[in-house]
Each structure stands twice: as C-alpha cells, then as structure tokens.
C-alpha atoms as a PDB file:
ATOM      1  CA  MET A   1     -75.105  80.401  21.808  1.00  0.00           C
ATOM      2  CA  ALA A   2     -76.152  77.182  20.108  1.00  0.00           C
ATOM      3  CA  THR A   3     -79.507  75.618  20.934  1.00  0.00           C
ATOM      4  CA  LYS A   4     -80.175  71.952  21.382  1.00  0.00           C
ATOM      5  CA  THR A   5     -82.215  70.523  18.592  1.00  0.00           C
ATOM      6  CA  GLU A   6     -84.045  67.279  18.951  1.00  0.00           C
ATOM      7  CA  PRO A   7     -83.050  64.553  16.358  1.00  0.00           C
ATOM      8  CA  ASN A   8     -86.604  64.084  15.448  1.00  0.00           C
ATOM      9  CA  GLU A   9     -87.007  67.813  14.549  1.00  0.00           C
ATOM     10  CA  ILE A  10     -83.909  67.462  12.401  1.00  0.00           C
ATOM     11  CA  LEU A  11     -85.140  64.358  10.544  1.00  0.00           C
ATOM     12  CA  GLN A  12     -88.568  65.847   9.981  1.00  0.00           C
ATOM     13  CA  SER A  13     -87.128  69.052   8.436  1.00  0.00           C
ATOM     14  CA  VAL A  14     -84.897  67.147   5.887  1.00  0.00           C
ATOM     15  CA  ALA A  15     -87.351  64.220   5.199  1.00  0.00           C
ATOM     16  CA  PRO A  16     -88.773  65.759   1.989  1.00  0.00           C
ATOM     17  CA  GLN A  17     -85.281  66.377   0.542  1.00  0.00           C
ATOM     18  CA  LEU A  18     -84.228  62.798   1.526  1.00  0.00           C
ATOM     19  CA  ASP A  19     -87.354  61.375  -0.162  1.00  0.00           C
ATOM     20  CA  ALA A  20     -86.655  63.355  -3.290  1.00  0.00           C
ATOM     21  CA  MET A  21     -82.926  62.347  -3.431  1.00  0.00           C
ATOM     22  CA  ALA A  22     -84.003  58.690  -2.967  1.00  0.00           C
ATOM     23  CA  ASN A  23     -86.650  58.781  -5.847  1.00  0.00           C
ATOM     24  CA  ASN A  24     -84.148  60.491  -8.168  1.00  0.00           C
ATOM     25  CA  LEU A  25     -81.471  57.964  -7.430  1.00  0.00           C
ATOM     26  CA  LEU A  26     -83.985  55.102  -8.039  1.00  0.00           C
ATOM     27  CA  GLN A  27     -84.947  56.637 -11.410  1.00  0.00           C
ATOM     28  CA  GLN A  28     -81.215  57.054 -12.343  1.00  0.00           C
ATOM     29  CA  VAL A  29     -80.427  53.371 -11.426  1.00  0.00           C
ATOM     30  CA  TYR A  30     -83.644  51.638 -12.731  1.00  0.00           C
ATOM     31  CA  GLY A  31     -85.210  54.122 -15.068  1.00  0.00           C
ATOM     32  CA  GLU A  32     -88.712  55.572 -15.096  1.00  0.00           C
ATOM     33  CA  GLU A  33     -90.273  52.127 -14.843  1.00  0.00           C
ATOM     34  CA  GLY A  34     -88.511  51.391 -11.465  1.00  0.00           C
ATOM     35  CA  LEU A  35     -87.423  48.008 -10.380  1.00  0.00           C
ATOM     36  CA  PRO A  36     -88.323  45.209 -12.663  1.00  0.00           C
ATOM     37  CA  TRP A  37     -90.973  42.978 -11.343  1.00  0.00           C
ATOM     38  CA  GLY A  38     -89.676  39.945  -9.422  1.00  0.00           C
ATOM     39  CA  THR A  39     -86.325  41.623  -8.612  1.00  0.00           C
ATOM     40  CA  PRO A  40     -85.069  39.879  -5.397  1.00  0.00           C
ATOM     41  CA  PHE A  41     -84.592  42.284  -2.437  1.00  0.00           C
ATOM     42  CA  SER A  42     -80.905  40.930  -2.197  1.00  0.00           C
ATOM     43  CA  GLU A  43     -80.204  42.620  -5.572  1.00  0.00           C
ATOM     44  CA  LEU A  44     -81.460  45.954  -4.310  1.00  0.00           C
ATOM     45  CA  GLU A  45     -79.263  45.419  -1.212  1.00  0.00           C
ATOM     46  CA  ASP A  46     -76.249  44.807  -3.330  1.00  0.00           C
ATOM     47  CA  VAL A  47     -76.843  47.907  -5.373  1.00  0.00           C
ATOM     48  CA  SER A  48     -77.288  50.040  -2.247  1.00  0.00           C
ATOM     49  CA  ILE A  49     -74.108  48.625  -0.706  1.00  0.00           C
ATOM     50  CA  SER A  50     -72.226  49.448  -3.919  1.00  0.00           C
ATOM     51  CA  ILE A  51     -73.433  53.052  -3.780  1.00  0.00           C
END
C-alpha cells in the first residue's frame, strides 16, 4: 500500500539534483562566466520562458 509523503520531503530529497541541473543549464546557456554584468532580469525571464 502506498504511503503519503509530504511535499516538503519530496522537495528536500530532489533539491540537490534540481540545483545541479539549474547550474548546468546556466553554464550551457551563458558559459562558464555566467550572466554578463548588467544583464536585465527581463532577458533572463525571456530565456527561461523560451526553454
């Protein structure tokens, strides 16, 4: 029988993987240096929406 798992427990268990995936994606999109200095947040939003 299935047991009920709290959403917070699920999030905590996958948080390291989500963090690693986000960092990997940032490196692939913006390179090792990351976002160029002065990049408007709206540009980051546009990229995230397109992904």
